[in-house]
Amino acid sequence: MRLLPTQPFTHYRHNEVRDLAWAIGSPGLLPGVSMAPDDSWYAHLLKAYQPRLQQLDRNPALLLHHCRHCRRLGQYFEALWHFFLLDYPGFQVLGFNRQQVVAGRTMGAFDFLLWDHHRQRIEHWELAVKFYLITDMSAPQDSALGINPCDRLRRKLDHMQQHQLQLSEHAEVRAALKAEGLLPVKKRLLLKGRLFYPEGSMLPKQPGHDYGRWGYELPGPGFMPQQKLGWMTGGRVTTELRDRQNYQNEDGSWYVRVDENWNKEK
């Protein structure tokens, strides 16, 4: 059986530690995206942080405390990265979810402004974790929809690249950041998640990203429904079944079931 991208993280006992390892080291959702690191960058961070992950798996109290308030998946993903950046000596957090206000007007917010000690520079990072169902195999990126079909991959990617990551390019914002000594010289788009391909369709020869299947029928035996915070690496089974539900089996395979009217809402 082909090794799935979630499987290298399953040896961690605690959900939060496993999710932290996945947040750092899993491949990017899309290869070759402008401003997105390549997967070797994520792999390097994961390797350097491996001893600390093993410590946290023995005693996760600090990580559990940091994530205790998280109820939404995006918030949880950001909290995991925030913990890593505070904990890992290679970076210094200069701003987290920093609202940029100029002359009383909010211009936007930075997910992270940070100092990279190795490269000796300030960087601006924007983060997102997304799970998309591909509805047209001939145009996968343009047809990828979320379980909430109003969420579209193309729209999200455009917003991150053309708006969120361009915040420091506004003249007023640039001047304000420069005055504070916070002007970034590097931008990074950290987009993680999973793409789900239609049941029965041909998969790409080398997907290079975390993937699953989707369909209208219930999955086969062994698939367990996951809570929303379990969508990254599993291990959070729920008894609350929905018409649109994410499932995982013991082999690490993923399946999303949606109702027949799911994509008619978009």
C-alpha atoms as a PDB file:
ATOM      1  CA  MET A   1       0.000   0.000   0.000  1.00  0.00           C
ATOM      2  CA  ARG A   2       1.285   3.492  -0.853  1.00  0.00           C
ATOM      3  CA  LEU A   3       2.415   5.511   2.158  1.00  0.00           C
ATOM      4  CA  LEU A   4      -0.054   8.293   2.818  1.00  0.00           C
ATOM      5  CA  PRO A   5       1.286  11.681   3.961  1.00  0.00           C
ATOM      6  CA  THR A   6      -0.504  11.446   7.326  1.00  0.00           C
ATOM      7  CA  GLN A   7       1.094   8.137   8.249  1.00  0.00           C
ATOM      8  CA  PRO A   8       4.602   9.355   9.204  1.00  0.00           C
ATOM      9  CA  PHE A   9       2.994  11.297  12.064  1.00  0.00           C
ATOM     10  CA  THR A  10       0.926   8.479  13.580  1.00  0.00           C
ATOM     11  CA  HIS A  11       3.579   7.296  16.041  1.00  0.00           C
ATOM     12  CA  TYR A  12       2.917  10.283  18.293  1.00  0.00           C
ATOM     13  CA  ARG A  13       0.570   9.319  21.133  1.00  0.00           C
ATOM     14  CA  HIS A  14      -1.066  12.701  21.731  1.00  0.00           C
ATOM     15  CA  ASN A  15      -3.416  14.272  19.208  1.00  0.00           C
ATOM     16  CA  GLU A  16      -1.963  17.749  19.649  1.00  0.00           C
ATOM     17  CA  VAL A  17       1.629  16.584  19.190  1.00  0.00           C
ATOM     18  CA  ARG A  18       0.685  14.587  16.115  1.00  0.00           C
ATOM     19  CA  ASP A  19      -1.186  17.583  14.700  1.00  0.00           C
ATOM     20  CA  LEU A  20       1.766  19.870  15.458  1.00  0.00           C
ATOM     21  CA  ALA A  21       4.131  17.550  13.579  1.00  0.00           C
ATOM     22  CA  TRP A  22       1.705  17.441  10.639  1.00  0.00           C
ATOM     23  CA  ALA A  23       1.232  21.223  10.625  1.00  0.00           C
ATOM     24  CA  ILE A  24       5.002  21.687  10.385  1.00  0.00           C
ATOM     25  CA  GLY A  25       6.098  18.794   8.207  1.00  0.00           C
ATOM     26  CA  SER A  26       3.249  17.813   5.904  1.00  0.00           C
ATOM     27  CA  PRO A  27       3.586  18.806   2.234  1.00  0.00           C
ATOM     28  CA  GLY A  28       2.026  22.008   0.963  1.00  0.00           C
ATOM     29  CA  LEU A  29      -1.447  21.719  -0.487  1.00  0.00           C
ATOM     30  CA  LEU A  30      -0.360  22.827  -3.970  1.00  0.00           C
ATOM     31  CA  PRO A  31       3.080  22.499  -5.576  1.00  0.00           C
ATOM     32  CA  GLY A  32       4.781  25.481  -7.157  1.00  0.00           C
ATOM     33  CA  VAL A  33       2.477  28.171  -5.750  1.00  0.00           C
ATOM     34  CA  SER A  34       3.925  31.680  -5.696  1.00  0.00           C
ATOM     35  CA  MET A  35       5.392  32.589  -2.273  1.00  0.00           C
ATOM     36  CA  ALA A  36       4.805  29.061  -0.904  1.00  0.00           C
ATOM     37  CA  PRO A  37       7.839  27.200   0.483  1.00  0.00           C
ATOM     38  CA  ASP A  38       8.774  23.952  -1.213  1.00  0.00           C
ATOM     39  CA  ASP A  39       8.284  20.744   0.726  1.00  0.00           C
ATOM     40  CA  SER A  40      11.990  20.399   1.546  1.00  0.00           C
ATOM     41  CA  TRP A  41      11.693  23.565   3.678  1.00  0.00           C
ATOM     42  CA  TYR A  42       8.912  21.973   5.736  1.00  0.00           C
ATOM     43  CA  ALA A  43      10.892  18.726   5.988  1.00  0.00           C
ATOM     44  CA  HIS A  44      13.922  20.616   7.292  1.00  0.00           C
ATOM     45  CA  LEU A  45      11.871  22.328  10.009  1.00  0.00           C
ATOM     46  CA  LEU A  46      10.309  19.022  11.049  1.00  0.00           C
ATOM     47  CA  LYS A  47      13.676  17.255  11.254  1.00  0.00           C
ATOM     48  CA  ALA A  48      15.191  20.054  13.337  1.00  0.00           C
ATOM     49  CA  TYR A  49      12.194  20.015  15.698  1.00  0.00           C
ATOM     50  CA  GLN A  50      11.952  16.215  16.001  1.00  0.00           C
ATOM     51  CA  PRO A  51      13.700  15.925  19.410  1.00  0.00           C
ATOM     52  CA  ARG A  52      11.370  18.535  20.867  1.00  0.00           C
ATOM     53  CA  LEU A  53       8.314  16.747  19.477  1.00  0.00           C
ATOM     54  CA  GLN A  54       9.441  13.588  21.241  1.00  0.00           C
ATOM     55  CA  GLN A  55       9.743  15.542  24.500  1.00  0.00           C
ATOM     56  CA  LEU A  56       6.284  17.006  24.028  1.00  0.00           C
ATOM     57  CA  ASP A  57       4.830  13.573  23.381  1.00  0.00           C
ATOM     58  CA  ARG A  58       6.151  12.473  26.773  1.00  0.00           C
ATOM     59  CA  ASN A  59       4.854  15.620  28.470  1.00  0.00           C
ATOM     60  CA  PRO A  60       2.434  17.657  26.311  1.00  0.00           C
ATOM     61  CA  ALA A  61       1.152  19.941  29.097  1.00  0.00           C
ATOM     62  CA  LEU A  62       2.601  23.147  27.642  1.00  0.00           C
ATOM     63  CA  LEU A  63       1.187  22.441  24.163  1.00  0.00           C
ATOM     64  CA  LEU A  64      -2.211  21.404  25.552  1.00  0.00           C
ATOM     65  CA  HIS A  65      -2.399  24.624  27.549  1.00  0.00           C
ATOM     66  CA  HIS A  66      -1.506  26.700  24.482  1.00  0.00           C
ATOM     67  CA  CYS A  67      -4.274  25.082  22.377  1.00  0.00           C
ATOM     68  CA  ARG A  68      -6.922  24.829  25.088  1.00  0.00           C
ATOM     69  CA  HIS A  69      -9.058  27.665  23.684  1.00  0.00           C
ATOM     70  CA  CYS A  70      -9.215  26.342  20.106  1.00  0.00           C
ATOM     71  CA  ARG A  71     -12.614  25.337  18.753  1.00  0.00           C
ATOM     72  CA  ARG A  72     -12.233  26.072  15.037  1.00  0.00           C
ATOM     73  CA  LEU A  73      -9.845  24.213  12.755  1.00  0.00           C
ATOM     74  CA  GLY A  74      -8.215  27.328  11.275  1.00  0.00           C
ATOM     75  CA  GLN A  75      -7.716  28.786  14.744  1.00  0.00           C
ATOM     76  CA  TYR A  76      -6.197  25.486  15.911  1.00  0.00           C
ATOM     77  CA  PHE A  77      -3.808  25.357  12.935  1.00  0.00           C
ATOM     78  CA  GLU A  78      -2.618  28.909  13.646  1.00  0.00           C
ATOM     79  CA  ALA A  79      -2.190  28.086  17.348  1.00  0.00           C
ATOM     80  CA  LEU A  80       0.001  25.088  16.488  1.00  0.00           C
ATOM     81  CA  TRP A  81       2.265  27.222  14.320  1.00  0.00           C
ATOM     82  CA  HIS A  82       2.298  29.971  16.958  1.00  0.00           C
ATOM     83  CA  PHE A  83       3.451  27.430  19.549  1.00  0.00           C
ATOM     84  CA  PHE A  84       6.194  26.181  17.232  1.00  0.00           C
ATOM     85  CA  LEU A  85       7.454  29.688  16.451  1.00  0.00           C
ATOM     86  CA  LEU A  86       7.535  30.618  20.145  1.00  0.00           C
ATOM     87  CA  ASP A  87       9.222  27.343  21.063  1.00  0.00           C
ATOM     88  CA  TYR A  88      11.742  26.899  18.250  1.00  0.00           C
ATOM     89  CA  PRO A  89      14.953  28.954  18.600  1.00  0.00           C
ATOM     90  CA  GLY A  90      15.250  29.635  14.865  1.00  0.00           C
ATOM     91  CA  PHE A  91      12.509  32.265  14.884  1.00  0.00           C
ATOM     92  CA  GLN A  92      11.326  35.196  17.003  1.00  0.00           C
ATOM     93  CA  VAL A  93       7.668  36.239  16.780  1.00  0.00           C
ATOM     94  CA  LEU A  94       7.379  39.999  16.273  1.00  0.00           C
ATOM     95  CA  GLY A  95       3.649  40.056  15.636  1.00  0.00           C
ATOM     96  CA  PHE A  96       0.816  37.501  15.724  1.00  0.00           C
ATOM     97  CA  ASN A  97      -2.566  38.350  14.207  1.00  0.00           C
ATOM     98  CA  ARG A  98      -1.310  41.917  14.265  1.00  0.00           C
ATOM     99  CA  GLN A  99      -3.897  44.483  13.209  1.00  0.00           C
ATOM    100  CA  GLN A 100      -2.260  47.163  11.079  1.00  0.00           C
ATOM    101  CA  VAL A 101      -3.862  50.516  11.846  1.00  0.00           C
ATOM    102  CA  VAL A 102      -2.830  53.688  10.001  1.00  0.00           C
ATOM    103  CA  ALA A 103      -4.355  57.068  10.956  1.00  0.00           C
ATOM    104  CA  GLY A 104      -7.181  55.331  12.782  1.00  0.00           C
ATOM    105  CA  ARG A 105      -8.020  53.066   9.838  1.00  0.00           C
ATOM    106  CA  THR A 106      -7.506  49.283   9.974  1.00  0.00           C
ATOM    107  CA  MET A 107      -5.698  48.286   6.791  1.00  0.00           C
ATOM    108  CA  GLY A 108      -5.616  44.555   7.469  1.00  0.00           C
ATOM    109  CA  ALA A 109      -3.836  42.054   9.684  1.00  0.00           C
ATOM    110  CA  PHE A 110      -0.634  40.045   9.546  1.00  0.00           C
ATOM    111  CA  ASP A 111      -0.872  36.401  10.594  1.00  0.00           C
ATOM    112  CA  PHE A 112       2.803  36.481  11.559  1.00  0.00           C
ATOM    113  CA  LEU A 113       5.638  38.950  11.447  1.00  0.00           C
ATOM    114  CA  LEU A 114       8.813  37.224  12.586  1.00  0.00           C
ATOM    115  CA  TRP A 115      12.569  37.386  12.676  1.00  0.00           C
ATOM    116  CA  ASP A 116      14.457  34.536  11.015  1.00  0.00           C
ATOM    117  CA  HIS A 117      17.667  34.174  13.023  1.00  0.00           C
ATOM    118  CA  HIS A 118      19.408  32.042  10.408  1.00  0.00           C
ATOM    119  CA  ARG A 119      18.731  34.372   7.481  1.00  0.00           C
ATOM    120  CA  GLN A 120      18.819  37.545   9.588  1.00  0.00           C
ATOM    121  CA  ARG A 121      15.650  39.054   8.170  1.00  0.00           C
ATOM    122  CA  ILE A 122      12.045  39.915   8.937  1.00  0.00           C
ATOM    123  CA  GLU A 123       9.414  37.751   7.239  1.00  0.00           C
ATOM    124  CA  HIS A 124       5.631  37.978   6.792  1.00  0.00           C
ATOM    125  CA  TRP A 125       3.767  34.660   6.868  1.00  0.00           C
ATOM    126  CA  GLU A 126       0.122  33.957   6.056  1.00  0.00           C
ATOM    127  CA  LEU A 127      -1.314  30.570   7.063  1.00  0.00           C
ATOM    128  CA  ALA A 128      -4.317  28.478   6.107  1.00  0.00           C
ATOM    129  CA  VAL A 129      -5.408  24.861   6.430  1.00  0.00           C
ATOM    130  CA  LYS A 130      -8.007  23.796   3.871  1.00  0.00           C
ATOM    131  CA  PHE A 131      -9.807  20.652   2.739  1.00  0.00           C
ATOM    132  CA  TYR A 132     -11.182  20.703  -0.789  1.00  0.00           C
ATOM    133  CA  LEU A 133     -13.207  18.319  -2.945  1.00  0.00           C
ATOM    134  CA  ILE A 134     -12.248  18.292  -6.620  1.00  0.00           C
ATOM    135  CA  THR A 135     -15.345  18.215  -8.812  1.00  0.00           C
ATOM    136  CA  ASP A 136     -13.736  18.338 -12.276  1.00  0.00           C
ATOM    137  CA  MET A 137     -10.614  16.239 -12.821  1.00  0.00           C
ATOM    138  CA  SER A 138      -9.755  18.196 -15.973  1.00  0.00           C
ATOM    139  CA  ALA A 139      -9.441  21.429 -13.938  1.00  0.00           C
ATOM    140  CA  PRO A 140      -8.696  20.362 -10.358  1.00  0.00           C
ATOM    141  CA  GLN A 141      -7.654  23.684  -8.841  1.00  0.00           C
ATOM    142  CA  ASP A 142     -10.479  25.664 -10.442  1.00  0.00           C
ATOM    143  CA  SER A 143     -13.125  23.104  -9.444  1.00  0.00           C
ATOM    144  CA  ALA A 144     -12.034  22.456  -5.851  1.00  0.00           C
ATOM    145  CA  LEU A 145     -14.764  23.259  -3.307  1.00  0.00           C
ATOM    146  CA  GLY A 146     -14.912  22.991   0.465  1.00  0.00           C
ATOM    147  CA  ILE A 147     -17.450  20.910   2.359  1.00  0.00           C
ATOM    148  CA  ASN A 148     -19.117  24.299   2.578  1.00  0.00           C
ATOM    149  CA  PRO A 149     -19.173  24.825  -1.212  1.00  0.00           C
ATOM    150  CA  CYS A 150     -18.986  28.606  -0.864  1.00  0.00           C
ATOM    151  CA  ASP A 151     -15.346  27.997   0.054  1.00  0.00           C
ATOM    152  CA  ARG A 152     -13.405  27.712  -3.220  1.00  0.00           C
ATOM    153  CA  LEU A 153      -9.714  26.922  -3.565  1.00  0.00           C
ATOM    154  CA  ARG A 154      -9.123  29.423  -6.361  1.00  0.00           C
ATOM    155  CA  ARG A 155     -10.808  32.221  -4.413  1.00  0.00           C
ATOM    156  CA  LYS A 156      -8.843  31.451  -1.237  1.00  0.00           C
ATOM    157  CA  LEU A 157      -5.526  31.276  -3.065  1.00  0.00           C
ATOM    158  CA  ASP A 158      -6.155  34.555  -4.875  1.00  0.00           C
ATOM    159  CA  HIS A 159      -7.110  36.274  -1.623  1.00  0.00           C
ATOM    160  CA  MET A 160      -3.968  35.096   0.157  1.00  0.00           C
ATOM    161  CA  GLN A 161      -1.632  36.014  -2.705  1.00  0.00           C
ATOM    162  CA  GLN A 162      -3.209  39.243  -3.907  1.00  0.00           C
ATOM    163  CA  HIS A 163      -4.502  40.733  -0.652  1.00  0.00           C
ATOM    164  CA  GLN A 164      -3.188  39.223   2.579  1.00  0.00           C
ATOM    165  CA  LEU A 165       0.425  38.891   1.443  1.00  0.00           C
ATOM    166  CA  GLN A 166       0.398  42.317  -0.212  1.00  0.00           C
ATOM    167  CA  LEU A 167      -0.459  44.190   2.990  1.00  0.00           C
ATOM    168  CA  SER A 168       3.092  45.452   3.509  1.00  0.00           C
ATOM    169  CA  GLU A 169       3.120  46.864  -0.051  1.00  0.00           C
ATOM    170  CA  HIS A 170       0.551  49.573   0.761  1.00  0.00           C
ATOM    171  CA  ALA A 171       2.460  52.845   0.983  1.00  0.00           C
ATOM    172  CA  GLU A 172       0.978  53.858   4.363  1.00  0.00           C
ATOM    173  CA  VAL A 173       1.510  50.420   5.876  1.00  0.00           C
ATOM    174  CA  ARG A 174       5.022  50.217   4.494  1.00  0.00           C
ATOM    175  CA  ALA A 175       5.937  53.568   6.007  1.00  0.00           C
ATOM    176  CA  ALA A 176       4.469  52.594   9.400  1.00  0.00           C
ATOM    177  CA  LEU A 177       6.287  49.254   9.471  1.00  0.00           C
ATOM    178  CA  LYS A 178       9.551  50.870   8.418  1.00  0.00           C
ATOM    179  CA  ALA A 179       9.248  53.406  11.235  1.00  0.00           C
ATOM    180  CA  GLU A 180       8.813  50.538  13.722  1.00  0.00           C
ATOM    181  CA  GLY A 181      11.634  48.475  12.234  1.00  0.00           C
ATOM    182  CA  LEU A 182       9.173  45.767  11.209  1.00  0.00           C
ATOM    183  CA  LEU A 183       9.217  45.941   7.408  1.00  0.00           C
ATOM    184  CA  PRO A 184       9.376  42.366   6.049  1.00  0.00           C
ATOM    185  CA  VAL A 185      11.757  41.466   3.244  1.00  0.00           C
ATOM    186  CA  LYS A 186      10.354  37.965   2.654  1.00  0.00           C
ATOM    187  CA  LYS A 187       6.778  36.676   2.340  1.00  0.00           C
ATOM    188  CA  ARG A 188       5.635  33.088   2.802  1.00  0.00           C
ATOM    189  CA  LEU A 189       2.294  31.454   2.031  1.00  0.00           C
ATOM    190  CA  LEU A 190       1.829  28.397   4.258  1.00  0.00           C
ATOM    191  CA  LEU A 191      -1.156  26.551   2.778  1.00  0.00           C
ATOM    192  CA  LYS A 192      -1.693  23.029   4.083  1.00  0.00           C
ATOM    193  CA  GLY A 193      -4.595  20.615   3.950  1.00  0.00           C
ATOM    194  CA  ARG A 194      -5.958  17.801   1.832  1.00  0.00           C
ATOM    195  CA  LEU A 195      -7.458  17.400  -1.632  1.00  0.00           C
ATOM    196  CA  PHE A 196     -10.234  14.850  -2.098  1.00  0.00           C
ATOM    197  CA  TYR A 197     -10.710  13.190  -5.479  1.00  0.00           C
ATOM    198  CA  PRO A 198     -14.042  11.795  -6.727  1.00  0.00           C
ATOM    199  CA  GLU A 199     -14.618   8.161  -5.836  1.00  0.00           C
ATOM    200  CA  GLY A 200     -13.599   5.988  -8.796  1.00  0.00           C
ATOM    201  CA  SER A 201     -11.528   8.675 -10.545  1.00  0.00           C
ATOM    202  CA  MET A 202      -7.876   8.265 -11.491  1.00  0.00           C
ATOM    203  CA  LEU A 203      -5.452   9.837  -9.039  1.00  0.00           C
ATOM    204  CA  PRO A 204      -2.463  11.858 -10.246  1.00  0.00           C
ATOM    205  CA  LYS A 205       0.560   9.560 -10.638  1.00  0.00           C
ATOM    206  CA  GLN A 206       2.435  11.358  -7.855  1.00  0.00           C
ATOM    207  CA  PRO A 207      -0.004  13.579  -5.951  1.00  0.00           C
ATOM    208  CA  GLY A 208       2.744  15.117  -3.805  1.00  0.00           C
ATOM    209  CA  HIS A 209       0.144  16.273  -1.300  1.00  0.00           C
ATOM    210  CA  ASP A 210      -2.134  14.768   1.291  1.00  0.00           C
ATOM    211  CA  TYR A 211      -5.246  13.378  -0.405  1.00  0.00           C
ATOM    212  CA  GLY A 212      -8.431  11.380   0.034  1.00  0.00           C
ATOM    213  CA  ARG A 213     -11.616  10.400  -1.776  1.00  0.00           C
ATOM    214  CA  TRP A 214     -15.096  11.834  -1.713  1.00  0.00           C
ATOM    215  CA  GLY A 215     -18.529  10.513  -2.695  1.00  0.00           C
ATOM    216  CA  TYR A 216     -22.240  10.499  -1.917  1.00  0.00           C
ATOM    217  CA  GLU A 217     -22.334   7.079  -0.252  1.00  0.00           C
ATOM    218  CA  LEU A 218     -21.212   6.105   3.215  1.00  0.00           C
ATOM    219  CA  PRO A 219     -17.626   4.771   3.313  1.00  0.00           C
ATOM    220  CA  GLY A 220     -16.807   1.111   3.748  1.00  0.00           C
ATOM    221  CA  PRO A 221     -16.077  -0.724   7.000  1.00  0.00           C
ATOM    222  CA  GLY A 222     -13.318   0.647   9.178  1.00  0.00           C
ATOM    223  CA  PHE A 223     -13.882   4.328   8.412  1.00  0.00           C
ATOM    224  CA  MET A 224     -14.613   6.386  11.526  1.00  0.00           C
ATOM    225  CA  PRO A 225     -16.201   9.875  11.483  1.00  0.00           C
ATOM    226  CA  GLN A 226     -13.838  12.586  12.746  1.00  0.00           C
ATOM    227  CA  GLN A 227     -14.448  15.724  14.759  1.00  0.00           C
ATOM    228  CA  LYS A 228     -13.450  18.930  12.971  1.00  0.00           C
ATOM    229  CA  LEU A 229     -10.209  19.249  14.964  1.00  0.00           C
ATOM    230  CA  GLY A 230      -9.368  15.700  13.869  1.00  0.00           C
ATOM    231  CA  TRP A 231      -9.282  16.504  10.174  1.00  0.00           C
ATOM    232  CA  MET A 232      -5.514  16.923  10.080  1.00  0.00           C
ATOM    233  CA  THR A 233      -4.332  13.552  11.423  1.00  0.00           C
ATOM    234  CA  GLY A 234      -7.429  11.821  12.780  1.00  0.00           C
ATOM    235  CA  GLY A 235      -7.723  10.255  16.209  1.00  0.00           C
ATOM    236  CA  ARG A 236     -10.768  12.303  17.254  1.00  0.00           C
ATOM    237  CA  VAL A 237     -13.757  10.092  16.574  1.00  0.00           C
ATOM    238  CA  THR A 238     -17.242  11.595  16.888  1.00  0.00           C
ATOM    239  CA  THR A 239     -20.676  10.049  17.319  1.00  0.00           C
ATOM    240  CA  GLU A 240     -22.355  13.123  15.822  1.00  0.00           C
ATOM    241  CA  LEU A 241     -22.959  12.196  12.184  1.00  0.00           C
ATOM    242  CA  ARG A 242     -23.700  14.834   9.563  1.00  0.00           C
ATOM    243  CA  ASP A 243     -24.794  14.766   5.928  1.00  0.00           C
ATOM    244  CA  ARG A 244     -21.312  16.109   5.132  1.00  0.00           C
ATOM    245  CA  GLN A 245     -18.739  14.194   7.108  1.00  0.00           C
ATOM    246  CA  ASN A 246     -14.985  13.493   7.051  1.00  0.00           C
ATOM    247  CA  TYR A 247     -13.915   9.892   7.789  1.00  0.00           C
ATOM    248  CA  GLN A 248     -10.590   8.123   8.343  1.00  0.00           C
ATOM    249  CA  ASN A 249      -9.708   4.434   8.581  1.00  0.00           C
ATOM    250  CA  GLU A 250      -6.900   2.628  10.417  1.00  0.00           C
ATOM    251  CA  ASP A 251      -4.686   2.676   7.313  1.00  0.00           C
ATOM    252  CA  GLY A 252      -4.733   6.473   7.308  1.00  0.00           C
ATOM    253  CA  SER A 253      -7.032   6.744   4.274  1.00  0.00           C
ATOM    254  CA  TRP A 254      -9.539   9.603   4.172  1.00  0.00           C
ATOM    255  CA  TYR A 255     -13.044   9.837   2.750  1.00  0.00           C
ATOM    256  CA  VAL A 256     -15.562  12.691   2.721  1.00  0.00           C
ATOM    257  CA  ARG A 257     -19.229  11.929   2.276  1.00  0.00           C
ATOM    258  CA  VAL A 258     -21.480  14.732   1.047  1.00  0.00           C
ATOM    259  CA  ASP A 259     -25.183  14.879   0.285  1.00  0.00           C
ATOM    260  CA  GLU A 260     -26.543  14.966  -3.270  1.00  0.00           C
ATOM    261  CA  ASN A 261     -27.323  18.699  -3.096  1.00  0.00           C
ATOM    262  CA  TRP A 262     -23.937  19.654  -1.676  1.00  0.00           C
ATOM    263  CA  ASN A 263     -22.402  21.582  -4.586  1.00  0.00           C
ATOM    264  CA  LYS A 264     -25.659  23.146  -5.747  1.00  0.00           C
ATOM    265  CA  GLU A 265     -25.176  25.844  -3.076  1.00  0.00           C
ATOM    266  CA  LYS A 266     -22.040  27.408  -4.538  1.00  0.00           C
END
